[in-house]
Amino acid sequence: MSPDQRQFLLTAVWLFMRHGQEWRARTVCEALSEDDPRDGTVAAALAGMLLDGGEPGRALEVLRIADFPPELSHPQAVLEARALRMAGRGREADARWERYLEARKGASRKWIAK
């Protein structure tokens, strides 16, 4: 798939979500994820849809396979913490968020974002 085709499909996902057609957005995202399961942008979108659909286990699988660019470190941390909490793994969710804050703000300043 060319970068232009990928961008077109990601735009279609966004439009489907904006217009209340989540099932179409999810279908396109799942197809994009099958094409490249390591794409962090697609993984973030699909994981959000899976969490909204009550599927935290599957969302965690999608997130763990993907490679996230540095600019998506915040969405990755939020999605992983949310999925862990939804899966009943509260301590792991807290630990994941703490790791993100330490990486972002440093251990001495992580309390600022709590």
Protein backbone atom coordinates (compact mmCIF):
# COMPACT_ATOMS: atom_id res chain seq x y z
CA MET A 1 0.00 0.00 0.00
CA SER A 2 1.35 3.40 -0.91
CA PRO A 3 1.61 6.21 1.66
CA ASP A 4 -1.10 8.13 -0.21
CA GLN A 5 -3.48 5.15 -0.05
CA ARG A 6 -2.77 4.72 3.66
CA GLN A 7 -3.41 8.40 4.33
CA PHE A 8 -6.66 8.26 2.36
CA LEU A 9 -7.87 5.30 4.43
CA LEU A 10 -6.89 6.98 7.70
CA THR A 11 -8.84 10.04 6.62
CA ALA A 12 -11.82 7.80 5.82
CA VAL A 13 -11.57 6.32 9.34
CA TRP A 14 -11.66 9.81 10.83
CA LEU A 15 -14.65 10.80 8.68
CA PHE A 16 -16.56 7.63 9.57
CA MET A 17 -15.97 8.30 13.27
CA ARG A 18 -17.05 11.93 12.95
CA HIS A 19 -20.29 10.87 11.29
CA GLY A 20 -21.24 8.13 13.75
CA GLN A 21 -20.29 5.18 11.57
CA GLU A 22 -17.97 3.48 14.03
CA TRP A 23 -18.42 0.01 12.52
CA ARG A 24 -17.11 1.25 9.16
CA ALA A 25 -14.18 3.02 10.82
CA ARG A 26 -13.31 -0.12 12.76
CA THR A 27 -13.52 -2.29 9.65
CA VAL A 28 -11.08 -0.03 7.79
CA CYS A 29 -8.77 0.15 10.82
CA GLU A 30 -8.75 -3.63 11.17
CA ALA A 31 -7.84 -3.97 7.49
CA LEU A 32 -5.03 -1.42 7.88
CA SER A 33 -3.80 -3.24 10.98
CA GLU A 34 -3.74 -6.55 9.13
CA ASP A 35 -1.70 -4.91 6.37
CA ASP A 36 0.83 -3.47 8.86
CA PRO A 37 0.28 -4.50 12.50
CA ARG A 38 3.29 -2.43 13.60
CA ASP A 39 1.80 0.91 12.47
CA GLY A 40 1.41 2.93 15.68
CA THR A 41 -1.09 5.40 14.24
CA VAL A 42 -3.46 2.65 13.14
CA ALA A 43 -2.89 0.74 16.38
CA ALA A 44 -3.84 3.78 18.46
CA ALA A 45 -7.04 4.33 16.47
CA LEU A 46 -8.01 0.66 16.55
CA ALA A 47 -7.20 0.29 20.25
CA GLY A 48 -9.43 3.26 21.05
CA MET A 49 -12.29 1.70 19.13
CA LEU A 50 -11.73 -1.67 20.81
CA LEU A 51 -11.77 -0.04 24.24
CA ASP A 52 -14.97 1.80 23.39
CA GLY A 53 -16.40 -1.58 22.37
CA GLY A 54 -15.39 -3.18 25.69
CA GLU A 55 -12.52 -5.29 24.36
CA PRO A 56 -9.51 -4.37 26.55
CA GLY A 57 -7.69 -7.66 25.97
CA ARG A 58 -7.70 -7.26 22.23
CA ALA A 59 -6.73 -3.60 22.55
CA LEU A 60 -3.69 -4.60 24.62
CA GLU A 61 -2.66 -7.10 21.94
CA VAL A 62 -2.87 -4.42 19.23
CA LEU A 63 -0.91 -1.94 21.36
CA ARG A 64 1.83 -4.40 22.28
CA ILE A 65 2.55 -5.36 18.65
CA ALA A 66 2.73 -1.79 17.33
CA ASP A 67 5.73 0.51 17.07
CA PHE A 68 4.83 3.99 18.24
CA PRO A 69 6.73 7.05 17.08
CA PRO A 70 7.82 9.46 19.85
CA GLU A 71 5.00 11.88 19.08
CA LEU A 72 2.47 9.17 19.99
CA SER A 73 3.99 8.30 23.39
CA HIS A 74 1.19 10.07 25.26
CA PRO A 75 -1.71 8.37 23.42
CA GLN A 76 0.09 5.04 23.76
CA ALA A 77 0.44 5.46 27.54
CA VAL A 78 -3.17 6.59 27.95
CA LEU A 79 -4.55 3.73 25.86
CA GLU A 80 -2.40 1.09 27.58
CA ALA A 81 -3.29 2.37 31.07
CA ARG A 82 -6.98 2.50 30.14
CA ALA A 83 -6.92 -1.02 28.68
CA LEU A 84 -5.14 -2.42 31.73
CA ARG A 85 -7.61 -0.76 34.08
CA MET A 86 -10.59 -2.04 32.04
CA ALA A 87 -9.08 -5.53 32.17
CA GLY A 88 -9.02 -5.35 35.98
CA ARG A 89 -5.27 -4.84 36.19
CA GLY A 90 -5.25 -1.58 38.15
CA ARG A 91 -1.75 -1.87 39.58
CA GLU A 92 -0.29 -2.48 36.15
CA ALA A 93 -2.26 0.50 34.82
CA ASP A 94 -0.86 2.74 37.55
CA ALA A 95 2.67 1.45 36.92
CA ARG A 96 2.33 2.08 33.18
CA TRP A 97 1.21 5.65 33.78
CA GLU A 98 4.04 6.21 36.30
CA ARG A 99 6.60 5.00 33.72
CA TYR A 100 5.20 7.44 31.19
CA LEU A 101 5.34 10.36 33.62
CA GLU A 102 8.90 9.53 34.67
CA ALA A 103 10.00 9.31 31.04
CA ARG A 104 8.29 12.58 30.21
CA LYS A 105 8.90 14.75 33.26
CA GLY A 106 11.65 12.97 35.17
CA ALA A 107 11.24 11.10 38.42
CA SER A 108 11.43 14.28 40.52
CA ARG A 109 8.64 16.08 38.59
CA LYS A 110 6.19 13.27 37.77
CA TRP A 111 3.83 14.40 40.56
CA ILE A 112 2.96 17.52 38.53
CA ALA A 113 0.66 15.65 36.11
CA LYS A 114 -1.08 13.50 38.72
